[in-house]
Protein backbone atom coordinates (compact mmCIF):
# COMPACT_ATOMS: atom_id res chain seq x y z
CA MET A 1 0.00 0.00 0.00
CA ALA A 2 1.40 3.37 -1.08
CA MET A 3 1.87 6.04 1.57
CA ASP A 4 1.17 9.75 1.05
CA SER A 5 3.85 10.76 3.54
CA PRO A 6 6.53 8.89 5.49
CA PRO A 7 5.33 7.55 8.85
CA HIS A 8 6.83 9.12 11.98
CA LEU A 9 8.80 7.13 14.51
CA ALA A 10 8.51 7.85 18.26
CA GLY A 11 7.11 11.32 17.62
CA ASP A 12 10.37 12.58 16.07
CA ASP A 13 9.63 13.99 12.61
CA ARG A 14 13.34 14.10 11.81
CA VAL A 15 13.68 10.28 11.71
CA HIS A 16 11.69 8.56 9.03
CA LEU A 17 11.52 5.64 6.64
CA VAL A 18 12.00 6.17 2.94
CA SER A 19 8.89 5.32 0.94
CA PRO A 20 9.06 3.02 -2.09
CA GLN A 21 8.66 6.03 -4.34
CA ASP A 22 11.79 7.67 -2.90
CA SER A 23 14.08 4.62 -3.34
CA PRO A 24 14.63 1.95 -6.01
CA SER A 25 14.28 -0.72 -3.33
CA SER A 26 10.86 -1.17 -1.73
CA LEU A 27 12.37 -2.72 1.42
CA ARG A 28 15.17 -0.25 2.07
CA LEU A 29 15.45 1.60 5.42
CA SER A 30 16.46 5.24 5.42
CA THR A 31 19.51 6.59 7.16
CA LEU A 32 19.47 9.34 9.73
CA THR A 33 19.05 12.82 8.34
CA MET A 34 21.93 15.24 8.43
CA GLU A 35 20.24 17.22 11.22
CA VAL A 36 20.05 14.15 13.46
CA MET A 37 23.68 13.21 12.76
CA GLN A 38 24.87 16.69 13.64
CA ASN A 39 22.81 16.59 16.84
CA MET A 40 24.41 13.26 17.84
CA GLU A 41 27.90 14.61 17.16
CA GLU A 42 27.19 17.65 19.32
CA GLU A 43 26.01 15.42 22.16
CA ASN A 44 28.99 13.03 21.83
CA PRO A 45 32.15 14.78 20.60
CA ARG A 46 34.03 11.47 20.44
CA ARG A 47 31.99 10.51 17.38
CA GLN A 48 33.64 13.36 15.51
CA GLN A 49 36.93 11.45 15.61
CA ASP A 50 37.93 8.55 13.37
CA LEU A 51 39.56 6.43 16.05
CA LEU A 52 41.28 4.10 13.57
CA SER A 53 42.75 6.90 11.48
CA GLY A 54 43.78 8.64 14.66
CA LEU A 55 46.28 5.92 15.45
CA HIS A 56 50.00 6.49 15.02
CA ASP A 57 51.53 5.71 11.62
CA ASN A 58 53.57 2.86 13.07
CA VAL A 59 50.40 1.16 14.32
CA LEU A 60 48.64 1.59 10.98
CA HIS A 61 51.72 0.28 9.16
CA ARG A 62 51.64 -2.76 11.39
CA ILE A 63 47.99 -3.38 10.51
CA LEU A 64 48.53 -2.97 6.77
CA SER A 65 51.63 -5.20 6.82
CA PHE A 66 49.37 -8.23 7.33
CA LEU A 67 47.60 -7.54 4.02
CA PRO A 68 48.82 -8.28 0.49
CA THR A 69 50.01 -5.09 -1.16
CA ARG A 70 47.06 -5.04 -3.53
CA GLU A 71 44.61 -5.03 -0.62
CA ALA A 72 46.67 -2.52 1.33
CA ILE A 73 46.42 -0.11 -1.59
CA ALA A 74 42.65 -0.57 -1.64
CA THR A 75 42.49 0.94 1.87
CA SER A 76 43.51 4.29 0.37
CA MET A 77 39.82 4.78 -0.49
CA LEU A 78 38.82 4.87 3.19
CA SER A 79 39.79 8.47 3.85
CA ARG A 80 42.31 11.17 3.03
CA ARG A 81 44.35 10.02 6.01
CA TRP A 82 44.81 6.61 4.33
CA ARG A 83 45.35 7.86 0.76
CA HIS A 84 49.14 7.69 0.76
CA LEU A 85 49.67 5.49 3.81
CA TRP A 86 50.40 2.33 1.79
CA LYS A 87 53.42 4.01 0.18
CA THR A 88 55.35 3.84 3.45
CA VAL A 89 54.25 0.40 4.69
CA PRO A 90 57.45 -1.60 5.41
CA CYS A 91 56.03 -4.70 3.72
CA LEU A 92 55.65 -5.63 0.05
CA ASP A 93 53.58 -8.73 -0.73
CA LEU A 94 53.32 -9.14 -4.51
CA ASP A 95 51.50 -12.28 -5.67
CA TYR A 96 50.68 -12.99 -9.31
CA HIS A 97 47.91 -15.41 -8.36
CA GLY A 98 45.86 -12.53 -7.03
CA PHE A 99 45.41 -11.24 -10.59
CA HIS A 100 44.38 -14.40 -12.39
CA ARG A 101 43.81 -17.98 -11.33
CA ARG A 102 45.46 -19.36 -14.45
CA ARG A 103 48.51 -18.10 -16.27
CA CYS A 104 47.51 -15.95 -19.24
CA PRO A 105 49.09 -13.01 -21.11
CA ILE A 106 46.47 -10.57 -19.84
CA GLY A 107 47.01 -11.49 -16.21
CA GLU A 108 50.80 -11.33 -16.64
CA ARG A 109 50.65 -7.85 -18.20
CA LYS A 110 48.35 -6.61 -15.44
CA PHE A 111 50.67 -7.96 -12.77
CA CYS A 112 53.81 -6.48 -14.35
CA HIS A 113 52.12 -3.10 -14.73
CA PHE A 114 50.87 -3.23 -11.14
CA VAL A 115 54.27 -4.11 -9.62
CA GLY A 116 56.06 -1.45 -11.66
CA ARG A 117 53.65 1.26 -10.54
CA VAL A 118 53.80 0.16 -6.89
CA ILE A 119 57.59 0.26 -6.74
CA ALA A 120 57.72 3.59 -8.57
CA ALA A 121 55.10 5.15 -6.26
CA ARG A 122 56.63 4.07 -2.96
CA ASP A 123 58.30 6.62 -0.76
CA PRO A 124 62.07 6.38 -1.52
CA ALA A 125 62.90 7.23 2.09
CA SER A 126 60.94 4.27 3.50
CA GLY A 127 62.60 0.87 3.77
CA VAL A 128 61.18 -2.61 3.33
CA ARG A 129 61.15 -4.97 6.28
CA ARG A 130 59.40 -7.89 4.55
CA PHE A 131 59.45 -8.58 0.81
CA ARG A 132 57.45 -11.38 -0.79
CA LEU A 133 57.26 -12.04 -4.54
CA ARG A 134 55.30 -14.79 -6.30
CA TRP A 135 56.00 -14.64 -10.02
CA CYS A 136 56.20 -17.63 -12.37
CA GLY A 137 57.12 -15.95 -15.65
CA GLN A 138 59.16 -18.41 -17.72
CA LEU A 139 60.89 -16.12 -20.23
CA MET A 140 64.29 -14.56 -19.64
CA THR A 141 62.67 -11.13 -19.83
CA ASP A 142 60.47 -12.19 -16.90
CA ILE A 143 63.58 -13.04 -14.88
CA HIS A 144 65.04 -9.63 -15.72
CA LEU A 145 61.81 -8.01 -14.59
CA ALA A 146 61.93 -9.90 -11.29
CA THR A 147 65.55 -8.82 -10.84
CA TRP A 148 64.60 -5.16 -11.33
CA TRP A 149 61.64 -5.46 -8.94
CA VAL A 150 63.69 -7.02 -6.15
CA ASP A 151 66.69 -4.75 -6.64
CA SER A 152 64.54 -1.61 -6.73
CA ALA A 153 62.53 -2.57 -3.66
CA ILE A 154 65.35 -3.65 -1.35
CA ARG A 155 68.33 -1.75 -2.73
CA PRO A 156 70.62 -0.85 0.23
CA ASP A 157 71.09 2.77 -0.87
CA ARG A 158 67.33 3.27 -0.46
CA GLY A 159 67.47 2.01 3.11
CA GLY A 160 65.91 -1.35 2.32
CA GLY A 161 69.04 -3.47 2.59
CA GLY A 162 69.67 -2.59 6.22
CA LEU A 163 66.02 -2.87 7.27
CA LEU A 164 65.00 -6.04 5.42
CA ARG A 165 64.34 -8.95 7.78
CA GLU A 166 62.20 -11.34 5.70
CA LEU A 167 62.73 -12.25 2.05
CA ASP A 168 60.37 -14.67 0.26
CA LEU A 169 60.95 -15.31 -3.46
CA HIS A 170 58.98 -17.80 -5.55
CA LEU A 171 60.04 -17.78 -9.21
CA TYR A 172 59.81 -20.20 -12.10
CA THR A 173 63.61 -20.47 -12.06
CA PHE A 174 66.50 -18.54 -10.56
CA THR A 175 68.65 -19.07 -13.67
CA GLY A 176 69.78 -15.60 -14.72
CA PHE A 177 68.69 -14.10 -11.41
CA PRO A 178 71.59 -12.53 -9.41
CA LEU A 179 70.75 -14.42 -6.22
CA ASP A 180 74.29 -14.38 -4.84
CA ALA A 181 74.70 -10.63 -5.31
CA ILE A 182 71.32 -9.83 -3.75
CA LEU A 183 71.79 -12.06 -0.72
CA ARG A 184 75.28 -10.72 -0.14
CA GLY A 185 73.84 -7.29 0.63
CA LEU A 186 71.31 -8.54 3.18
CA PRO A 187 73.28 -9.52 6.31
CA CYS A 188 70.40 -8.73 8.68
CA LEU A 189 67.95 -11.29 7.29
CA GLU A 190 65.97 -13.29 9.85
CA LYS A 191 63.77 -15.34 7.49
CA LEU A 192 64.67 -16.51 3.98
CA SER A 193 62.47 -18.52 1.63
CA LEU A 194 63.52 -19.46 -1.92
CA ALA A 195 61.22 -21.55 -4.11
CA ALA A 196 61.48 -22.45 -7.79
CA GLU A 197 59.24 -24.35 -10.17
CA LYS A 198 62.26 -25.62 -12.10
CA ASP A 199 65.35 -27.14 -10.46
CA TYR A 200 68.07 -24.59 -9.81
CA TYR A 201 71.63 -25.33 -8.69
CA VAL A 202 72.79 -22.52 -6.50
CA GLY A 203 76.30 -21.13 -6.25
CA PHE A 204 78.11 -18.58 -4.09
CA ALA A 205 81.26 -16.66 -4.99
CA HIS A 206 81.91 -16.16 -1.28
CA PRO A 207 80.51 -18.03 1.74
CA PRO A 208 77.22 -16.34 2.72
CA GLN A 209 76.93 -14.99 6.23
CA PHE A 210 73.55 -14.54 7.93
CA PRO A 211 74.23 -14.28 11.67
CA SER A 212 70.59 -13.44 12.51
CA LEU A 213 68.82 -15.90 10.20
CA THR A 214 66.48 -18.21 12.16
CA THR A 215 64.23 -19.60 9.39
CA LEU A 216 65.40 -21.03 6.07
CA ARG A 217 63.05 -22.65 3.55
CA LEU A 218 64.21 -23.94 0.18
CA ARG A 219 62.27 -25.59 -2.63
CA LYS A 220 63.98 -27.10 -5.69
CA ILE A 221 67.27 -25.43 -4.79
CA GLY A 222 70.16 -27.85 -5.33
CA SER A 223 73.94 -28.04 -5.09
CA PHE A 224 76.63 -28.80 -7.65
CA GLU A 225 77.03 -32.48 -6.76
CA ALA A 226 73.54 -33.20 -8.09
CA ALA A 227 73.97 -30.73 -10.96
CA ARG A 228 76.80 -32.81 -12.44
CA ARG A 229 74.23 -35.46 -13.31
CA CYS A 230 72.10 -32.82 -15.05
CA PRO A 231 72.85 -32.19 -18.76
CA LEU A 232 72.51 -28.41 -18.32
CA PRO A 233 73.63 -27.34 -14.82
CA SER A 234 73.47 -23.70 -13.81
CA ARG A 235 76.50 -21.62 -14.75
CA ASP A 236 76.90 -20.31 -11.22
CA ALA A 237 76.51 -23.71 -9.51
CA SER A 238 79.19 -24.43 -6.94
CA PRO A 239 80.05 -27.56 -4.91
CA GLY A 240 78.66 -27.79 -1.41
CA ALA A 241 76.48 -24.69 -1.85
CA LEU A 242 73.69 -25.90 0.44
CA GLU A 243 76.12 -26.89 3.17
CA MET A 244 77.86 -23.53 2.74
CA LEU A 245 74.55 -21.69 3.07
CA ILE A 246 73.50 -23.58 6.20
CA ALA A 247 76.95 -23.19 7.76
CA GLY A 248 76.59 -19.41 7.37
CA CYS A 249 73.48 -19.40 9.57
CA PRO A 250 74.69 -20.02 13.15
CA SER A 251 71.31 -18.99 14.65
CA LEU A 252 69.22 -21.27 12.41
CA GLU A 253 66.20 -22.74 14.23
CA ASP A 254 63.80 -23.82 11.46
CA LEU A 255 65.01 -25.53 8.26
CA THR A 256 62.81 -26.85 5.43
CA LEU A 257 64.21 -28.57 2.32
CA GLU A 258 61.56 -29.49 -0.25
CA SER A 259 62.51 -31.32 -3.47
CA CYS A 260 66.09 -30.07 -3.17
CA SER A 261 68.76 -31.82 -5.22
CA PHE A 262 71.78 -33.12 -3.32
CA LEU A 263 73.50 -36.46 -3.03
CA ARG A 264 74.14 -36.33 0.69
CA LEU A 265 73.84 -33.31 2.92
CA ARG A 266 76.03 -33.09 6.02
CA PHE A 267 75.85 -30.15 8.36
CA SER A 268 75.87 -29.09 11.99
CA ALA A 269 73.25 -26.73 13.39
CA PRO A 270 73.70 -26.13 17.14
CA ARG A 271 70.40 -24.20 17.53
CA LEU A 272 68.22 -26.10 15.07
CA VAL A 273 64.80 -26.92 16.58
CA ARG A 274 62.68 -27.97 13.57
CA LEU A 275 63.85 -29.87 10.49
CA ALA A 276 61.76 -30.87 7.46
CA VAL A 277 63.14 -32.79 4.47
CA ILE A 278 60.36 -33.26 1.91
CA ASP A 279 61.26 -35.11 -1.26
CA HIS A 280 59.45 -38.11 -2.73
CA ARG A 281 61.56 -38.41 -5.86
CA ARG A 282 65.28 -38.44 -5.32
CA GLY A 283 65.99 -40.32 -2.13
CA ASN A 284 68.61 -37.91 -0.79
CA GLY A 285 70.51 -38.59 2.40
CA VAL A 286 70.87 -36.19 5.30
CA ASP A 287 73.43 -36.35 8.11
CA VAL A 288 72.59 -33.78 10.77
CA GLU A 289 74.17 -32.90 14.09
CA ALA A 290 71.53 -30.93 16.00
CA PRO A 291 71.64 -31.19 19.81
CA GLU A 292 68.58 -28.89 20.24
CA LEU A 293 66.37 -30.60 17.65
CA ARG A 294 62.77 -31.06 18.83
CA SER A 295 60.87 -32.00 15.66
CA ILE A 296 61.72 -33.75 12.40
CA ARG A 297 59.54 -34.29 9.35
CA TYR A 298 61.07 -36.64 6.78
CA THR A 299 59.47 -37.81 3.55
CA ALA A 300 62.41 -38.87 1.38
CA VAL A 301 63.21 -42.42 0.25
CA TRP A 302 65.65 -42.96 3.06
CA ASP A 303 66.25 -46.60 2.14
CA GLN A 304 68.36 -45.49 -0.86
CA LYS A 305 70.23 -42.67 0.85
CA PRO A 306 70.04 -43.18 4.62
CA TRP A 307 69.48 -40.28 6.94
CA CYS A 308 70.97 -39.87 10.37
CA LEU A 309 70.44 -37.63 13.39
CA ARG A 310 73.40 -37.21 15.68
CA GLY A 311 73.18 -35.75 19.16
CA ALA A 312 69.40 -35.23 19.00
CA ALA A 313 68.90 -36.08 22.66
CA ARG A 314 65.90 -33.71 22.99
CA LEU A 315 63.82 -34.96 20.07
CA TRP A 316 60.09 -34.96 20.87
CA CYS A 317 58.22 -35.34 17.60
CA ALA A 318 58.94 -37.29 14.39
CA MET A 319 56.79 -37.56 11.27
CA VAL A 320 58.18 -40.09 8.79
CA ASP A 321 56.61 -40.77 5.40
CA LEU A 322 57.77 -44.04 3.81
CA ALA A 323 54.87 -44.51 1.40
CA LEU A 324 57.13 -45.04 -1.62
CA LEU A 325 59.03 -47.99 -0.16
CA GLU A 326 58.07 -51.61 -0.71
CA SER A 327 59.60 -52.64 2.61
CA VAL A 328 60.71 -50.89 5.79
CA ASP A 329 63.22 -52.00 8.40
CA LEU A 330 62.40 -50.60 11.83
CA GLN A 331 65.98 -51.25 12.87
CA ARG A 332 67.21 -48.71 10.35
CA LEU A 333 64.52 -46.25 11.41
CA ALA A 334 65.66 -46.51 15.02
CA ASP A 335 69.30 -46.09 13.99
CA ALA A 336 68.40 -42.98 12.00
CA LEU A 337 66.73 -41.40 15.03
CA GLY A 338 69.83 -42.09 17.09
CA GLU A 339 69.63 -40.76 20.64
CA GLY A 340 66.25 -39.25 19.82
CA MET A 341 64.67 -42.70 19.87
CA ARG A 342 64.77 -42.68 23.69
CA THR A 343 63.29 -39.20 24.10
CA LEU A 344 60.69 -39.33 21.33
CA ARG A 345 57.16 -38.61 22.59
CA SER A 346 55.17 -38.55 19.34
CA LEU A 347 55.75 -40.69 16.24
CA ALA A 348 53.69 -40.57 13.04
CA LEU A 349 54.52 -43.24 10.48
CA ARG A 350 53.03 -43.49 6.99
CA PHE A 351 53.67 -46.68 5.02
CA ALA A 352 51.93 -48.34 2.09
CA GLY A 353 54.38 -51.08 1.11
CA ALA A 354 54.25 -54.84 1.39
CA ALA A 355 56.32 -55.47 4.52
CA MET A 356 57.52 -53.73 7.64
CA GLU A 357 60.24 -55.72 9.30
CA PRO A 358 60.83 -55.57 13.08
CA PRO A 359 64.40 -55.60 14.40
CA PRO A 360 66.06 -58.98 15.08
CA GLU A 361 65.29 -60.52 18.45
CA GLU A 362 68.78 -59.77 19.77
CA GLU A 363 68.16 -56.05 19.09
CA HIS A 364 64.73 -55.82 20.75
CA ARG A 365 66.08 -54.51 24.02
CA ARG A 366 68.21 -51.86 22.33
CA VAL A 367 65.44 -50.64 20.04
CA CYS A 368 62.97 -49.31 22.59
CA PHE A 369 60.86 -46.15 22.47
CA ASP A 370 60.98 -45.46 26.19
CA SER A 371 59.23 -42.05 26.17
CA LEU A 372 56.80 -42.55 23.29
CA GLU A 373 53.31 -41.43 24.33
CA THR A 374 51.50 -40.96 20.99
CA LEU A 375 51.75 -43.29 17.99
CA LYS A 376 50.02 -42.61 14.66
CA LEU A 377 50.08 -45.27 11.94
CA PHE A 378 48.83 -44.96 8.36
CA VAL A 379 49.40 -48.36 6.74
CA HIS A 380 48.11 -50.97 4.31
CA VAL A 381 47.26 -54.19 6.10
CA ASN A 382 49.01 -57.39 5.05
CA GLU A 383 50.74 -60.25 6.81
CA GLY A 384 54.10 -58.51 6.54
CA ILE A 385 53.11 -55.58 8.72
CA ILE A 386 51.58 -57.32 11.72
CA PRO A 387 54.89 -58.29 13.45
CA ALA A 388 56.19 -54.72 13.20
CA VAL A 389 53.01 -53.24 14.70
CA THR A 390 53.18 -55.75 17.52
CA PHE A 391 56.80 -54.80 18.13
CA LEU A 392 55.99 -51.08 18.29
CA LEU A 393 53.23 -51.64 20.84
CA THR A 394 55.37 -53.96 22.94
CA ASN A 395 58.47 -51.74 22.97
CA SER A 396 56.67 -48.50 23.82
CA PRO A 397 56.09 -48.79 27.59
CA SER A 398 54.89 -45.18 27.98
CA LEU A 399 52.38 -45.30 25.14
CA ARG A 400 49.02 -43.66 25.94
CA THR A 401 47.44 -42.76 22.61
CA LEU A 402 47.23 -44.92 19.49
CA GLN A 403 45.74 -43.73 16.20
CA VAL A 404 45.60 -46.23 13.32
CA GLU A 405 44.21 -45.59 9.86
CA TYR A 406 44.59 -48.50 7.48
CA SER A 407 43.53 -49.48 3.98
CA LYS A 408 42.50 -52.91 2.76
CA HIS A 409 41.25 -53.95 -0.65
CA GLY A 410 38.22 -56.21 -0.87
CA SER A 411 36.53 -58.12 1.91
CA ARG A 412 38.03 -58.85 5.30
CA THR A 413 40.80 -61.43 5.46
CA GLU A 414 42.49 -63.31 8.28
CA GLU A 415 45.35 -60.81 8.25
CA GLU A 416 42.95 -57.93 8.74
CA GLU A 417 41.08 -59.74 11.51
CA GLU A 418 44.36 -60.37 13.32
CA PHE A 419 45.47 -56.77 12.82
CA VAL A 420 42.19 -55.38 14.15
CA LYS A 421 42.34 -57.71 17.16
CA ILE A 422 45.83 -56.49 18.06
CA ILE A 423 44.70 -52.87 17.94
CA LYS A 424 41.52 -53.51 19.92
CA ASP A 425 43.41 -55.47 22.57
CA SER A 426 45.70 -52.49 23.11
CA SER A 427 42.72 -50.46 24.32
CA SER A 428 42.84 -52.39 27.58
CA TYR A 429 46.03 -50.64 28.68
CA LEU A 430 45.96 -47.42 26.59
CA ASP A 431 44.05 -44.25 27.35
CA ARG A 432 42.81 -43.68 23.81
CA VAL A 433 42.67 -45.90 20.71
CA THR A 434 41.33 -44.82 17.31
CA LEU A 435 40.91 -47.28 14.42
CA VAL A 436 39.75 -46.18 10.95
CA ARG A 437 39.46 -48.39 7.86
CA ARG A 438 39.84 -47.04 4.34
CA ARG A 439 38.52 -49.26 1.59
CA LYS A 440 40.83 -48.37 -1.31
CA ARG A 441 44.23 -49.92 -1.84
CA SER A 442 45.85 -46.97 -3.62
CA ARG A 443 48.75 -45.32 -1.82
CA ALA A 444 47.31 -41.96 -2.70
CA ASP A 445 44.36 -42.71 -0.44
CA ILE A 446 46.56 -42.94 2.63
CA PRO A 447 46.69 -39.51 4.33
CA THR A 448 49.58 -37.30 3.33
CA ILE A 449 52.23 -36.21 5.77
CA ALA A 450 50.21 -33.05 6.49
CA HIS A 451 47.65 -35.21 8.30
CA LEU A 452 50.26 -36.73 10.60
CA SER A 453 50.67 -33.71 12.86
């Protein structure tokens, strides 16, 4: 029903609803009139202030630093106070995927134009504390563009080199990118992440030195030993580059190596707390001396190139993915853990092969997980795995929680019945037992290492 005049609310003729004739939407409520808003501001002077914009620049910079640069620039529309604020934010987060979900020429041109304008518009007097670049251009001109972007944003003579604490670069390849020269001018780095889509064999003209670096994450960054087997190694590849890089980080606490090419990596890290070696393809070996190590995540084919922890007397958590192996020897797993076998409190083991062999009887007393409290198993049930599971339960006197997720093809067999009985019987002396059956046989159906934590 149409109304001749807006109805009054609570006897105040200054507050009213907009009629359908006054607005395109028939169900839209009106806002307060200007007279009412001015009256409210007079009664409460605090409303006249924009509390967020009234904060100090350092606080606003801190808030905007958690946003990607593209979203931080969008905040310039909020008010005049915010119009140029993004130009002095000490954080640059440039991600190509924010422009287009799939690689296409239009999205690439938009991203290149955007990054160029951002770097040109920034305040030259302001430094960069965190720089993140995701750019997967495959042409050499794309690598030159990335070089210009990084060099312009963190160039030491602009103040960026001394202020930069976090550097995160994800490129298609680092071939042709002056990585050594750029890293050499950043001695104050605390976090460094280098990721490539194509294998790159790194080299250093001089040993890198990062006395404050605590976090190092590498993906598809290799050393010269593996490059010699490659028909086209990088021109700047040098022997022992990964070991040289790690040795130059005396304060390193968190190290992640994903799909990195090396034959065998030996290093000592006195402050290392977390170590992750993720590589399903090459089977690289790692020999680590880390007395402060608390957590290890290992997914390489360790049967081909064994891994070893030395001095890890404080190890608490281990996540080991052996899904690509046809057989596993628990004796070798215990030897790899070294002293950490006695202090380990949580063990997650993923295995989809045909057999898991327990240690010989004469080694049963030596291979004992004295402090193990939580055991997570992701396995495929067969007759070759039952003795190993029995051994783990028997030689873990402190065990309290057991989580088992297994796969079995077809109907139930005697092996599966026996396996289920062993797990159910353990509930009589454990605090918590979880048993889940997956029907498919495929190794891909067993949870990935991300589910083991």
